[in-house]
Amino acid sequence: MKKKIDIQKEVAKIWQEAKYNLKELGQKTMLLAQRGEKEVVRASKTGKLQLDIVSLNLKKENIFRQAGKKVYEMHSKKGEIASAKLSSLFNQADKLNQEIKAKKAKIAKLRKQ
């Protein structure tokens, strides 16, 4: 009878240890999953910002094409370049450059996290 009680106590002890170990394993698994989720979110944000930068660079290139075309037209028609007519295009390009710098700074900040 005493062996049966000892075995029951031993089984209960082993079961308690197993429950504790499973609980600990579950907590560690949740931590890893949360870290993975943070990495995915960070990578997603970084990817979106990089796509935004590509889009802004394309817009800037279009402005440069337009500026080049206007400069050539002014040069070929008048023989001179009127910078006042180009200032709005150059201002747009400057604004796009500022947006690109801001997004690159956000990417750098996300990568440091």
Protein backbone atom coordinates (compact mmCIF):
# COMPACT_ATOMS: atom_id res chain seq x y z
CA MET A 1 0.00 0.00 0.00
CA LYS A 2 2.87 2.33 0.83
CA LYS A 3 4.48 1.76 -2.60
CA LYS A 4 1.21 2.71 -4.31
CA ILE A 5 1.07 6.00 -2.35
CA ASP A 6 4.75 6.67 -3.09
CA ILE A 7 4.18 6.06 -6.80
CA GLN A 8 1.16 8.38 -6.79
CA LYS A 9 3.20 11.09 -5.09
CA GLU A 10 6.02 10.58 -7.56
CA VAL A 11 3.62 10.76 -10.52
CA ALA A 12 2.02 13.89 -9.06
CA LYS A 13 5.47 15.45 -8.61
CA ILE A 14 6.49 14.59 -12.17
CA TRP A 15 3.17 15.96 -13.47
CA GLN A 16 3.71 19.26 -11.60
CA GLU A 17 7.20 19.57 -13.04
CA ALA A 18 5.90 18.81 -16.52
CA LYS A 19 3.13 21.43 -16.18
CA TYR A 20 5.68 23.99 -15.01
CA ASN A 21 8.05 23.16 -17.89
CA LEU A 22 5.22 23.31 -20.43
CA LYS A 23 4.07 26.67 -19.07
CA GLU A 24 7.62 28.01 -19.28
CA LEU A 25 7.99 26.66 -22.81
CA GLY A 26 4.72 28.34 -23.79
CA GLN A 27 5.90 31.66 -22.42
CA LYS A 28 9.21 31.41 -24.27
CA THR A 29 7.38 30.49 -27.46
CA MET A 30 5.12 33.55 -27.08
CA LEU A 31 8.18 35.76 -26.59
CA LEU A 32 9.79 34.42 -29.75
CA ALA A 33 6.55 34.88 -31.69
CA GLN A 34 6.26 38.49 -30.50
CA ARG A 35 9.85 39.19 -31.52
CA GLY A 36 9.18 37.65 -34.92
CA GLU A 37 6.06 39.76 -35.31
CA LYS A 38 8.02 42.91 -34.46
CA GLU A 39 10.63 41.98 -37.07
CA VAL A 40 7.93 41.45 -39.71
CA VAL A 41 6.29 44.78 -38.87
CA ARG A 42 9.63 46.56 -38.95
CA ALA A 43 10.58 44.95 -42.27
CA SER A 44 7.17 45.85 -43.68
CA LYS A 45 7.49 49.49 -42.62
CA THR A 46 11.02 49.64 -44.01
CA GLY A 47 9.87 48.11 -47.30
CA LYS A 48 7.01 50.60 -47.63
CA LEU A 49 9.34 53.52 -46.96
CA GLN A 50 11.77 52.20 -49.55
CA LEU A 51 8.93 51.94 -52.09
CA ASP A 52 7.94 55.51 -51.21
CA ILE A 53 11.52 56.60 -51.87
CA VAL A 54 11.49 54.88 -55.26
CA SER A 55 8.23 56.63 -56.12
CA LEU A 56 9.61 60.00 -55.01
CA ASN A 57 12.78 59.43 -57.02
CA LEU A 58 10.68 58.65 -60.10
CA LYS A 59 8.74 61.89 -59.60
CA LYS A 60 12.00 63.76 -59.18
CA GLU A 61 13.41 62.22 -62.36
CA ASN A 62 10.26 63.30 -64.21
CA ILE A 63 10.77 66.84 -62.95
CA PHE A 64 14.39 66.75 -64.08
CA ARG A 65 13.26 65.55 -67.51
CA GLN A 66 10.77 68.40 -67.68
CA ALA A 67 13.42 70.87 -66.52
CA GLY A 68 15.87 69.61 -69.11
CA LYS A 69 13.25 69.88 -71.83
CA LYS A 70 12.40 73.46 -70.84
CA VAL A 71 16.06 74.43 -70.64
CA TYR A 72 16.64 73.01 -74.11
CA GLU A 73 13.53 74.77 -75.50
CA MET A 74 14.63 78.09 -74.00
CA HIS A 75 18.13 77.58 -75.26
CA SER A 76 17.03 76.66 -78.76
CA LYS A 77 14.43 79.46 -79.07
CA LYS A 78 16.07 82.37 -77.31
CA GLY A 79 19.64 81.29 -77.01
CA GLU A 80 19.52 81.89 -73.25
CA ILE A 81 18.30 80.10 -70.16
CA ALA A 82 15.72 81.88 -68.02
CA SER A 83 16.15 80.45 -64.51
CA ALA A 84 12.98 82.15 -63.21
CA LYS A 85 10.87 79.82 -65.36
CA LEU A 86 12.65 76.80 -63.88
CA SER A 87 12.42 77.83 -60.23
CA SER A 88 9.05 76.10 -59.61
CA LEU A 89 10.44 72.82 -60.96
CA PHE A 90 13.59 73.18 -58.90
CA ASN A 91 11.48 73.93 -55.81
CA GLN A 92 9.46 70.75 -56.42
CA ALA A 93 12.66 68.74 -56.74
CA ASP A 94 13.96 70.26 -53.48
CA LYS A 95 10.74 69.25 -51.67
CA LEU A 96 11.02 65.70 -53.01
CA ASN A 97 14.64 65.54 -51.85
CA GLN A 98 13.52 66.60 -48.34
CA GLU A 99 10.85 63.86 -48.31
CA ILE A 100 13.41 61.29 -49.43
CA LYS A 101 15.82 62.32 -46.66
CA ALA A 102 13.03 62.10 -44.05
CA LYS A 103 12.04 58.60 -45.20
CA LYS A 104 15.66 57.45 -45.24
CA ALA A 105 16.00 58.73 -41.66
CA LYS A 106 12.90 56.71 -40.67
CA ILE A 107 14.42 53.60 -42.26
CA ALA A 108 17.66 54.13 -40.33
CA LYS A 109 15.67 54.57 -37.11
CA LEU A 110 13.64 51.39 -37.77
CA ARG A 111 16.79 49.40 -38.46
CA LYS A 112 18.33 50.55 -35.15
CA GLN A 113 15.33 49.26 -33.15
